[in-house]
């Protein structure tokens, strides 16, 4: 990934995080405007619409981004539990409760 692509990726991620922060407000989606995103992120309207054709598309991408983040966290938790089980089972003999060493 070259420098331009890295900056583009960073701006898109910044936008998606800002959308999630704004809609995680008691008023939710009602308070989300493109101008609020511009003010929050200092990314121009033109750039926002270059990345996302509409506010609806931006919202959809924000939810997909959120689900991807939750999925990644879940995978990390499962990996930690598996490592803990394997560490314990190598130290103390325990029955296999659905975790395999492979």
PDB file of N, CA and C in Angstrom:
ATOM      1  N   UNK A   1       0.852  -1.161   0.000  1.00  0.00           N
ATOM      2  CA  UNK A   1       0.000   0.000   0.000  1.00  0.00           C
ATOM      3  C   UNK A   1       0.910   1.240   0.000  1.00  0.00           C
ATOM      4  N   UNK A   2       0.690   2.109  -0.962  1.00  0.00           N
ATOM      5  CA  UNK A   2       1.511   3.325  -1.035  1.00  0.00           C
ATOM      6  C   UNK A   2       0.964   4.396  -0.082  1.00  0.00           C
ATOM      7  N   UNK A   3       1.654   5.532  -0.004  1.00  0.00           N
ATOM      8  CA  UNK A   3       1.277   6.595   0.919  1.00  0.00           C
ATOM      9  C   UNK A   3      -0.117   7.135   0.679  1.00  0.00           C
ATOM     10  N   UNK A   4      -0.501   7.327  -0.586  1.00  0.00           N
ATOM     11  CA  UNK A   4      -1.830   7.834  -0.917  1.00  0.00           C
ATOM     12  C   UNK A   4      -2.907   6.869  -0.435  1.00  0.00           C
ATOM     13  N   UNK A   5      -2.697   5.574  -0.685  1.00  0.00           N
ATOM     14  CA  UNK A   5      -3.672   4.560  -0.270  1.00  0.00           C
ATOM     15  C   UNK A   5      -3.783   4.502   1.257  1.00  0.00           C
ATOM     16  N   UNK A   6      -2.645   4.651   1.947  1.00  0.00           N
ATOM     17  CA  UNK A   6      -2.666   4.651   3.414  1.00  0.00           C
ATOM     18  C   UNK A   6      -3.460   5.841   3.953  1.00  0.00           C
ATOM     19  N   UNK A   7      -3.255   7.019   3.353  1.00  0.00           N
ATOM     20  CA  UNK A   7      -3.997   8.206   3.789  1.00  0.00           C
ATOM     21  C   UNK A   7      -5.490   8.058   3.510  1.00  0.00           C
ATOM     22  N   UNK A   8      -5.819   7.511   2.347  1.00  0.00           N
ATOM     23  CA  UNK A   8      -7.223   7.286   1.997  1.00  0.00           C
ATOM     24  C   UNK A   8      -7.863   6.321   2.985  1.00  0.00           C
ATOM     25  N   UNK A   9      -7.184   5.224   3.269  1.00  0.00           N
ATOM     26  CA  UNK A   9      -7.693   4.234   4.230  1.00  0.00           C
ATOM     27  C   UNK A   9      -7.889   4.885   5.597  1.00  0.00           C
ATOM     28  N   UNK A  10      -6.923   5.683   6.037  1.00  0.00           N
ATOM     29  CA  UNK A  10      -7.007   6.340   7.346  1.00  0.00           C
ATOM     30  C   UNK A  10      -8.188   7.309   7.395  1.00  0.00           C
ATOM     31  N   UNK A  11      -8.410   8.058   6.321  1.00  0.00           N
ATOM     32  CA  UNK A  11      -9.540   9.001   6.289  1.00  0.00           C
ATOM     33  C   UNK A  11     -10.869   8.249   6.324  1.00  0.00           C
ATOM     34  N   UNK A  12     -10.964   7.170   5.563  1.00  0.00           N
ATOM     35  CA  UNK A  12     -12.205   6.391   5.557  1.00  0.00           C
ATOM     36  C   UNK A  12     -12.474   5.822   6.947  1.00  0.00           C
ATOM     37  N   UNK A  13     -11.446   5.305   7.586  1.00  0.00           N
ATOM     38  CA  UNK A  13     -11.616   4.751   8.922  1.00  0.00           C
ATOM     39  C   UNK A  13     -12.005   5.851   9.914  1.00  0.00           C
ATOM     40  N   UNK A  14     -11.394   7.021   9.791  1.00  0.00           N
ATOM     41  CA  UNK A  14     -11.735   8.160  10.639  1.00  0.00           C
ATOM     42  C   UNK A  14     -13.209   8.538  10.459  1.00  0.00           C
ATOM     43  N   UNK A  15     -13.673   8.554   9.213  1.00  0.00           N
ATOM     44  CA  UNK A  15     -15.079   8.862   8.942  1.00  0.00           C
ATOM     45  C   UNK A  15     -16.009   7.827   9.566  1.00  0.00           C
ATOM     46  N   UNK A  16     -15.689   6.560   9.393  1.00  0.00           N
ATOM     47  CA  UNK A  16     -16.546   5.500   9.919  1.00  0.00           C
ATOM     48  C   UNK A  16     -16.600   5.554  11.444  1.00  0.00           C
ATOM     49  N   UNK A  17     -15.453   5.807  12.076  1.00  0.00           N
ATOM     50  CA  UNK A  17     -15.432   5.918  13.532  1.00  0.00           C
ATOM     51  C   UNK A  17     -16.244   7.133  13.991  1.00  0.00           C
ATOM     52  N   UNK A  18     -16.139   8.233  13.264  1.00  0.00           N
ATOM     53  CA  UNK A  18     -16.907   9.437  13.613  1.00  0.00           C
ATOM     54  C   UNK A  18     -18.406   9.181  13.478  1.00  0.00           C
ATOM     55  N   UNK A  19     -18.815   8.485  12.426  1.00  0.00           N
ATOM     56  CA  UNK A  19     -20.236   8.149  12.255  1.00  0.00           C
ATOM     57  C   UNK A  19     -20.721   7.349  13.463  1.00  0.00           C
ATOM     58  N   UNK A  20     -19.952   6.351  13.854  1.00  0.00           N
ATOM     59  CA  UNK A  20     -20.365   5.518  14.990  1.00  0.00           C
ATOM     60  C   UNK A  20     -20.425   6.319  16.285  1.00  0.00           C
ATOM     61  N   UNK A  21     -19.485   7.220  16.493  1.00  0.00           N
ATOM     62  CA  UNK A  21     -19.507   8.058  17.696  1.00  0.00           C
ATOM     63  C   UNK A  21     -20.730   8.982  17.702  1.00  0.00           C
ATOM     64  N   UNK A  22     -21.027   9.553  16.548  1.00  0.00           N
ATOM     65  CA  UNK A  22     -22.160  10.482  16.458  1.00  0.00           C
ATOM     66  C   UNK A  22     -23.490   9.757  16.668  1.00  0.00           C
ATOM     67  N   UNK A  23     -23.654   8.600  16.048  1.00  0.00           N
ATOM     68  CA  UNK A  23     -24.944   7.904  16.182  1.00  0.00           C
ATOM     69  C   UNK A  23     -25.069   7.171  17.519  1.00  0.00           C
ATOM     70  N   UNK A  24     -23.967   7.073  18.263  1.00  0.00           N
ATOM     71  CA  UNK A  24     -24.017   6.467  19.589  1.00  0.00           C
ATOM     72  C   UNK A  24     -24.399   7.538  20.615  1.00  0.00           C
ATOM     73  N   UNK A  25     -25.285   8.376  20.228  1.00  0.00           N
ATOM     74  CA  UNK A  25     -25.783   9.500  21.012  1.00  0.00           C
ATOM     75  C   UNK A  25     -27.266   9.235  21.234  1.00  0.00           C
ATOM     76  N   UNK A  26     -27.844   9.725  22.312  1.00  0.00           N
ATOM     77  CA  UNK A  26     -29.274   9.457  22.538  1.00  0.00           C
ATOM     78  C   UNK A  26     -30.175   9.798  21.342  1.00  0.00           C
ATOM     79  N   UNK A  27     -29.814  10.809  20.567  1.00  0.00           N
ATOM     80  CA  UNK A  27     -30.636  11.165  19.401  1.00  0.00           C
ATOM     81  C   UNK A  27     -30.321  10.296  18.192  1.00  0.00           C
ATOM     82  N   UNK A  28     -29.235   9.542  18.264  1.00  0.00           N
ATOM     83  CA  UNK A  28     -28.899   8.582  17.221  1.00  0.00           C
ATOM     84  C   UNK A  28     -28.678   9.185  15.849  1.00  0.00           C
ATOM     85  N   UNK A  29     -29.220   8.524  14.863  1.00  0.00           N
ATOM     86  CA  UNK A  29     -29.005   8.894  13.459  1.00  0.00           C
ATOM     87  C   UNK A  29     -29.571  10.281  13.143  1.00  0.00           C
ATOM     88  N   UNK A  30     -30.544  10.722  13.918  1.00  0.00           N
ATOM     89  CA  UNK A  30     -31.156  12.037  13.664  1.00  0.00           C
ATOM     90  C   UNK A  30     -30.134  13.165  13.687  1.00  0.00           C
ATOM     91  N   UNK A  31     -29.096  13.032  14.508  1.00  0.00           N
ATOM     92  CA  UNK A  31     -28.104  14.112  14.632  1.00  0.00           C
ATOM     93  C   UNK A  31     -26.952  13.977  13.640  1.00  0.00           C
ATOM     94  N   UNK A  32     -26.949  12.903  12.870  1.00  0.00           N
ATOM     95  CA  UNK A  32     -25.863  12.699  11.898  1.00  0.00           C
ATOM     96  C   UNK A  32     -26.129  13.506  10.630  1.00  0.00           C
ATOM     97  N   UNK A  33     -25.247  14.429  10.358  1.00  0.00           N
ATOM     98  CA  UNK A  33     -25.300  15.186   9.106  1.00  0.00           C
ATOM     99  C   UNK A  33     -23.898  15.175   8.507  1.00  0.00           C
ATOM    100  N   UNK A  34     -23.837  15.395   7.225  1.00  0.00           N
ATOM    101  CA  UNK A  34     -22.533  15.473   6.570  1.00  0.00           C
ATOM    102  C   UNK A  34     -21.750  16.653   7.142  1.00  0.00           C
ATOM    103  N   UNK A  35     -22.431  17.761   7.420  1.00  0.00           N
ATOM    104  CA  UNK A  35     -21.738  18.919   7.995  1.00  0.00           C
ATOM    105  C   UNK A  35     -21.150  18.588   9.367  1.00  0.00           C
ATOM    106  N   UNK A  36     -21.868  17.806  10.161  1.00  0.00           N
ATOM    107  CA  UNK A  36     -21.344  17.400  11.473  1.00  0.00           C
ATOM    108  C   UNK A  36     -20.096  16.537  11.288  1.00  0.00           C
ATOM    109  N   UNK A  37     -20.095  15.676  10.272  1.00  0.00           N
ATOM    110  CA  UNK A  37     -18.899  14.874   9.975  1.00  0.00           C
ATOM    111  C   UNK A  37     -17.737  15.758   9.543  1.00  0.00           C
ATOM    112  N   UNK A  38     -18.027  16.751   8.701  1.00  0.00           N
ATOM    113  CA  UNK A  38     -16.988  17.693   8.264  1.00  0.00           C
ATOM    114  C   UNK A  38     -16.401  18.398   9.484  1.00  0.00           C
ATOM    115  N   UNK A  39     -17.265  18.882  10.366  1.00  0.00           N
ATOM    116  CA  UNK A  39     -16.811  19.593  11.561  1.00  0.00           C
ATOM    117  C   UNK A  39     -16.020  18.695  12.504  1.00  0.00           C
ATOM    118  N   UNK A  40     -16.445  17.435  12.623  1.00  0.00           N
ATOM    119  CA  UNK A  40     -15.803  16.497  13.543  1.00  0.00           C
ATOM    120  C   UNK A  40     -14.459  16.007  13.019  1.00  0.00           C
ATOM    121  N   UNK A  41     -14.412  15.670  11.735  1.00  0.00           N
ATOM    122  CA  UNK A  41     -13.215  15.026  11.169  1.00  0.00           C
ATOM    123  C   UNK A  41     -12.294  15.981  10.421  1.00  0.00           C
ATOM    124  N   UNK A  42     -12.807  17.161  10.065  1.00  0.00           N
ATOM    125  CA  UNK A  42     -12.058  18.125   9.236  1.00  0.00           C
ATOM    126  C   UNK A  42     -11.742  17.536   7.852  1.00  0.00           C
ATOM    127  N   UNK A  43     -12.610  16.652   7.399  1.00  0.00           N
ATOM    128  CA  UNK A  43     -12.530  16.090   6.045  1.00  0.00           C
ATOM    129  C   UNK A  43     -13.615  16.783   5.230  1.00  0.00           C
ATOM    130  N   UNK A  44     -13.277  17.245   4.043  1.00  0.00           N
ATOM    131  CA  UNK A  44     -14.216  18.042   3.255  1.00  0.00           C
ATOM    132  C   UNK A  44     -15.416  17.224   2.773  1.00  0.00           C
ATOM    133  N   UNK A  45     -16.511  17.950   2.509  1.00  0.00           N
ATOM    134  CA  UNK A  45     -17.714  17.305   1.948  1.00  0.00           C
ATOM    135  C   UNK A  45     -17.373  16.588   0.646  1.00  0.00           C
ATOM    136  N   UNK A  46     -16.557  17.253  -0.193  1.00  0.00           N
ATOM    137  CA  UNK A  46     -16.191  16.665  -1.489  1.00  0.00           C
ATOM    138  C   UNK A  46     -15.476  15.335  -1.297  1.00  0.00           C
ATOM    139  N   UNK A  47     -14.578  15.279  -0.334  1.00  0.00           N
ATOM    140  CA  UNK A  47     -13.855  14.027  -0.069  1.00  0.00           C
ATOM    141  C   UNK A  47     -14.796  12.961   0.463  1.00  0.00           C
ATOM    142  N   UNK A  48     -15.687  13.348   1.368  1.00  0.00           N
ATOM    143  CA  UNK A  48     -16.655  12.379   1.906  1.00  0.00           C
ATOM    144  C   UNK A  48     -17.486  11.784   0.773  1.00  0.00           C
ATOM    145  N   UNK A  49     -17.983  12.645  -0.127  1.00  0.00           N
ATOM    146  CA  UNK A  49     -18.807  12.143  -1.220  1.00  0.00           C
ATOM    147  C   UNK A  49     -17.980  11.462  -2.307  1.00  0.00           C
ATOM    148  N   UNK A  50     -16.695  11.704  -2.323  1.00  0.00           N
ATOM    149  CA  UNK A  50     -15.811  10.950  -3.226  1.00  0.00           C
ATOM    150  C   UNK A  50     -15.726   9.493  -2.753  1.00  0.00           C
ATOM    151  N   UNK A  51     -15.674   9.304  -1.433  1.00  0.00           N
ATOM    152  CA  UNK A  51     -15.572   7.957  -0.862  1.00  0.00           C
ATOM    153  C   UNK A  51     -16.920   7.243  -0.799  1.00  0.00           C
ATOM    154  N   UNK A  52     -17.984   7.997  -0.505  1.00  0.00           N
ATOM    155  CA  UNK A  52     -19.311   7.405  -0.312  1.00  0.00           C
ATOM    156  C   UNK A  52     -20.328   8.208  -1.112  1.00  0.00           C
ATOM    157  N   UNK A  53     -21.079   7.537  -1.949  1.00  0.00           N
ATOM    158  CA  UNK A  53     -22.015   8.205  -2.854  1.00  0.00           C
ATOM    159  C   UNK A  53     -23.154   8.903  -2.122  1.00  0.00           C
ATOM    160  N   UNK A  54     -23.497   8.409  -0.935  1.00  0.00           N
ATOM    161  CA  UNK A  54     -24.620   8.997  -0.196  1.00  0.00           C
ATOM    162  C   UNK A  54     -24.420   8.785   1.298  1.00  0.00           C
ATOM    163  N   UNK A  55     -25.208   9.484   2.067  1.00  0.00           N
ATOM    164  CA  UNK A  55     -25.184   9.309   3.519  1.00  0.00           C
ATOM    165  C   UNK A  55     -25.617   7.890   3.880  1.00  0.00           C
ATOM    166  N   UNK A  56     -26.581   7.345   3.148  1.00  0.00           N
ATOM    167  CA  UNK A  56     -27.026   5.970   3.397  1.00  0.00           C
ATOM    168  C   UNK A  56     -25.891   4.968   3.185  1.00  0.00           C
ATOM    169  N   UNK A  57     -25.125   5.166   2.117  1.00  0.00           N
ATOM    170  CA  UNK A  57     -23.994   4.265   1.860  1.00  0.00           C
ATOM    171  C   UNK A  57     -22.955   4.390   2.980  1.00  0.00           C
ATOM    172  N   UNK A  58     -22.719   5.594   3.444  1.00  0.00           N
ATOM    173  CA  UNK A  58     -21.792   5.818   4.547  1.00  0.00           C
ATOM    174  C   UNK A  58     -22.276   5.111   5.811  1.00  0.00           C
ATOM    175  N   UNK A  59     -23.558   5.201   6.103  1.00  0.00           N
ATOM    176  CA  UNK A  59     -24.124   4.512   7.267  1.00  0.00           C
ATOM    177  C   UNK A  59     -23.974   3.001   7.150  1.00  0.00           C
ATOM    178  N   UNK A  60     -24.263   2.464   5.970  1.00  0.00           N
ATOM    179  CA  UNK A  60     -24.115   1.020   5.765  1.00  0.00           C
ATOM    180  C   UNK A  60     -22.673   0.588   6.001  1.00  0.00           C
ATOM    181  N   UNK A  61     -21.735   1.357   5.459  1.00  0.00           N
ATOM    182  CA  UNK A  61     -20.316   1.031   5.643  1.00  0.00           C
ATOM    183  C   UNK A  61     -19.913   1.143   7.110  1.00  0.00           C
ATOM    184  N   UNK A  62     -20.479   2.107   7.825  1.00  0.00           N
ATOM    185  CA  UNK A  62     -20.170   2.261   9.249  1.00  0.00           C
ATOM    186  C   UNK A  62     -20.652   1.039  10.028  1.00  0.00           C
ATOM    187  N   UNK A  63     -21.837   0.533   9.704  1.00  0.00           N
ATOM    188  CA  UNK A  63     -22.331  -0.657  10.390  1.00  0.00           C
ATOM    189  C   UNK A  63     -21.501  -1.882  10.040  1.00  0.00           C
ATOM    190  N   UNK A  64     -21.096  -2.002   8.797  1.00  0.00           N
ATOM    191  CA  UNK A  64     -20.219  -3.113   8.401  1.00  0.00           C
ATOM    192  C   UNK A  64     -18.887  -3.014   9.135  1.00  0.00           C
ATOM    193  N   UNK A  65     -18.346  -1.802   9.220  1.00  0.00           N
ATOM    194  CA  UNK A  65     -17.098  -1.566   9.954  1.00  0.00           C
ATOM    195  C   UNK A  65     -17.263  -1.981  11.418  1.00  0.00           C
ATOM    196  N   UNK A  66     -18.378  -1.593  12.028  1.00  0.00           N
ATOM    197  CA  UNK A  66     -18.649  -1.945  13.417  1.00  0.00           C
ATOM    198  C   UNK A  66     -18.715  -3.464  13.593  1.00  0.00           C
ATOM    199  N   UNK A  67     -19.434  -4.133  12.713  1.00  0.00           N
ATOM    200  CA  UNK A  67     -19.547  -5.591  12.801  1.00  0.00           C
ATOM    201  C   UNK A  67     -18.189  -6.266  12.605  1.00  0.00           C
ATOM    202  N   UNK A  68     -17.377  -5.744  11.691  1.00  0.00           N
ATOM    203  CA  UNK A  68     -16.029  -6.282  11.497  1.00  0.00           C
ATOM    204  C   UNK A  68     -15.193  -6.132  12.762  1.00  0.00           C
ATOM    205  N   UNK A  69     -15.309  -4.980  13.427  1.00  0.00           N
ATOM    206  CA  UNK A  69     -14.561  -4.751  14.670  1.00  0.00           C
ATOM    207  C   UNK A  69     -15.022  -5.731  15.755  1.00  0.00           C
ATOM    208  N   UNK A  70     -16.328  -5.934  15.869  1.00  0.00           N
ATOM    209  CA  UNK A  70     -16.859  -6.872  16.866  1.00  0.00           C
ATOM    210  C   UNK A  70     -16.415  -8.301  16.563  1.00  0.00           C
ATOM    211  N   UNK A  71     -16.407  -8.667  15.288  1.00  0.00           N
ATOM    212  CA  UNK A  71     -15.965  -9.990  14.886  1.00  0.00           C
ATOM    213  C   UNK A  71     -14.497 -10.195  15.250  1.00  0.00           C
ATOM    214  N   UNK A  72     -13.668  -9.197  14.982  1.00  0.00           N
ATOM    215  CA  UNK A  72     -12.244  -9.290  15.304  1.00  0.00           C
ATOM    216  C   UNK A  72     -12.037  -9.451  16.805  1.00  0.00           C
ATOM    217  N   UNK A  73     -12.778  -8.696  17.589  1.00  0.00           N
ATOM    218  CA  UNK A  73     -12.670  -8.815  19.047  1.00  0.00           C
ATOM    219  C   UNK A  73     -13.107 -10.193  19.526  1.00  0.00           C
ATOM    220  N   UNK A  74     -14.165 -10.723  18.942  1.00  0.00           N
ATOM    221  CA  UNK A  74     -14.642 -12.054  19.318  1.00  0.00           C
ATOM    222  C   UNK A  74     -13.591 -13.115  18.985  1.00  0.00           C
ATOM    223  N   UNK A  75     -12.976 -13.001  17.825  1.00  0.00           N
ATOM    224  CA  UNK A  75     -11.930 -13.958  17.448  1.00  0.00           C
ATOM    225  C   UNK A  75     -10.737 -13.888  18.394  1.00  0.00           C
ATOM    226  N   UNK A  76     -10.374 -12.678  18.807  1.00  0.00           N
ATOM    227  CA  UNK A  76      -9.263 -12.520  19.754  1.00  0.00           C
ATOM    228  C   UNK A  76      -9.604 -13.144  21.108  1.00  0.00           C
ATOM    229  N   UNK A  77     -10.835 -12.960  21.572  1.00  0.00           N
ATOM    230  CA  UNK A  77     -11.259 -13.554  22.842  1.00  0.00           C
ATOM    231  C   UNK A  77     -11.226 -15.075  22.747  1.00  0.00           C
ATOM    232  N   UNK A  78     -11.736 -15.620  21.657  1.00  0.00           N
ATOM    233  CA  UNK A  78     -11.718 -17.075  21.479  1.00  0.00           C
ATOM    234  C   UNK A  78     -10.295 -17.613  21.422  1.00  0.00           C
ATOM    235  N   UNK A  79      -9.404 -16.900  20.757  1.00  0.00           N
ATOM    236  CA  UNK A  79      -8.004 -17.328  20.683  1.00  0.00           C
ATOM    237  C   UNK A  79      -7.365 -17.315  22.069  1.00  0.00           C
ATOM    238  N   UNK A  80      -7.680 -16.299  22.869  1.00  0.00           N
ATOM    239  CA  UNK A  80      -7.144 -16.233  24.228  1.00  0.00           C
ATOM    240  C   UNK A  80      -7.664 -17.390  25.081  1.00  0.00           C
ATOM    241  N   UNK A  81      -8.946 -17.699  24.943  1.00  0.00           N
ATOM    242  CA  UNK A  81      -9.521 -18.800  25.712  1.00  0.00           C
ATOM    243  C   UNK A  81      -8.885 -20.126  25.302  1.00  0.00           C
ATOM    244  N   UNK A  82      -8.653 -20.292  24.006  1.00  0.00           N
ATOM    245  CA  UNK A  82      -8.037 -21.526  23.529  1.00  0.00           C
ATOM    246  C   UNK A  82      -6.617 -21.644  24.078  1.00  0.00           C
ATOM    247  N   UNK A  83      -5.857 -20.527  24.053  1.00  0.00           N
ATOM    248  CA  UNK A  83      -4.493 -20.567  24.585  1.00  0.00           C
ATOM    249  C   UNK A  83      -4.511 -20.877  26.078  1.00  0.00           C
ATOM    250  N   UNK A  84      -5.436 -20.278  26.807  1.00  0.00           N
ATOM    251  CA  UNK A  84      -5.541 -20.538  28.236  1.00  0.00           C
ATOM    252  C   UNK A  84      -5.843 -22.005  28.478  1.00  0.00           C
ATOM    253  N   UNK A  85      -6.788 -22.555  27.725  1.00  0.00           N
ATOM    254  CA  UNK A  85      -7.126 -23.968  27.877  1.00  0.00           C
ATOM    255  C   UNK A  85      -5.912 -24.845  27.587  1.00  0.00           C
ATOM    256  N   UNK A  86      -5.208 -24.548  26.512  1.00  0.00           N
ATOM    257  CA  UNK A  86      -4.042 -25.353  26.154  1.00  0.00           C
ATOM    258  C   UNK A  86      -2.940 -25.234  27.203  1.00  0.00           C
ATOM    259  N   UNK A  87      -2.739 -24.035  27.730  1.00  0.00           N
ATOM    260  CA  UNK A  87      -1.740 -23.846  28.784  1.00  0.00           C
ATOM    261  C   UNK A  87      -2.108 -24.637  30.028  1.00  0.00           C
ATOM    262  N   UNK A  88      -3.377 -24.545  30.417  1.00  0.00           N
ATOM    263  CA  UNK A  88      -3.822 -25.285  31.591  1.00  0.00           C
ATOM    264  C   UNK A  88      -3.763 -26.794  31.366  1.00  0.00           C
ATOM    265  N   UNK A  89      -4.172 -27.235  30.189  1.00  0.00           N
ATOM    266  CA  UNK A  89      -4.207 -28.677  29.940  1.00  0.00           C
ATOM    267  C   UNK A  89      -2.807 -29.269  29.859  1.00  0.00           C
ATOM    268  N   UNK A  90      -1.819 -28.460  29.490  1.00  0.00           N
ATOM    269  CA  UNK A  90      -0.446 -28.989  29.480  1.00  0.00           C
ATOM    270  C   UNK A  90       0.122 -29.051  30.894  1.00  0.00           C
ATOM    271  N   UNK A  91      -0.420 -28.229  31.797  1.00  0.00           N
ATOM    272  CA  UNK A  91       0.045 -28.217  33.177  1.00  0.00           C
ATOM    273  C   UNK A  91      -0.764 -29.177  34.043  1.00  0.00           C
ATOM    274  N   UNK A  92      -2.063 -29.164  33.841  1.00  0.00           N
ATOM    275  CA  UNK A  92      -2.972 -30.004  34.620  1.00  0.00           C
ATOM    276  C   UNK A  92      -3.798 -30.850  33.668  1.00  0.00           C
ATOM    277  N   UNK A  93      -3.879 -32.164  33.901  1.00  0.00           N
ATOM    278  CA  UNK A  93      -4.716 -32.986  33.023  1.00  0.00           C
ATOM    279  C   UNK A  93      -6.194 -32.637  33.229  1.00  0.00           C
ATOM    280  N   UNK A  94      -6.842 -32.203  32.122  1.00  0.00           N
ATOM    281  CA  UNK A  94      -8.274 -31.876  32.163  1.00  0.00           C
ATOM    282  C   UNK A  94      -8.962 -32.533  30.980  1.00  0.00           C
ATOM    283  N   UNK A  95     -10.269 -32.697  31.133  1.00  0.00           N
ATOM    284  CA  UNK A  95     -11.052 -33.252  30.023  1.00  0.00           C
ATOM    285  C   UNK A  95     -11.183 -32.226  28.921  1.00  0.00           C
ATOM    286  N   UNK A  96     -11.297 -32.686  27.699  1.00  0.00           N
ATOM    287  CA  UNK A  96     -11.498 -31.819  26.546  1.00  0.00           C
ATOM    288  C   UNK A  96     -12.953 -31.365  26.526  1.00  0.00           C
ATOM    289  N   UNK A  97     -13.154 -30.059  26.572  1.00  0.00           N
ATOM    290  CA  UNK A  97     -14.506 -29.494  26.562  1.00  0.00           C
ATOM    291  C   UNK A  97     -14.765 -28.754  25.266  1.00  0.00           C
ATOM    292  N   UNK A  98     -14.384 -29.335  24.173  1.00  0.00           N
ATOM    293  CA  UNK A  98     -14.673 -28.722  22.876  1.00  0.00           C
ATOM    294  C   UNK A  98     -13.497 -27.969  22.260  1.00  0.00           C
ATOM    295  N   UNK A  99     -12.420 -27.805  22.980  1.00  0.00           N
ATOM    296  CA  UNK A  99     -11.250 -27.138  22.416  1.00  0.00           C
ATOM    297  C   UNK A  99     -10.295 -28.212  21.917  1.00  0.00           C
ATOM    298  N   UNK A 100      -9.779 -28.016  20.760  1.00  0.00           N
ATOM    299  CA  UNK A 100      -8.786 -28.960  20.264  1.00  0.00           C
ATOM    300  C   UNK A 100      -7.459 -28.248  20.150  1.00  0.00           C
ATOM    301  N   UNK A 101      -6.397 -29.005  20.153  1.00  0.00           N
ATOM    302  CA  UNK A 101      -5.065 -28.394  20.082  1.00  0.00           C
ATOM    303  C   UNK A 101      -4.655 -28.085  18.664  1.00  0.00           C
ATOM    304  N   UNK A 102      -5.501 -28.412  17.695  1.00  0.00           N
ATOM    305  CA  UNK A 102      -5.171 -28.109  16.292  1.00  0.00           C
ATOM    306  C   UNK A 102      -6.009 -26.994  15.788  1.00  0.00           C
TER     307      UNK A 102
END
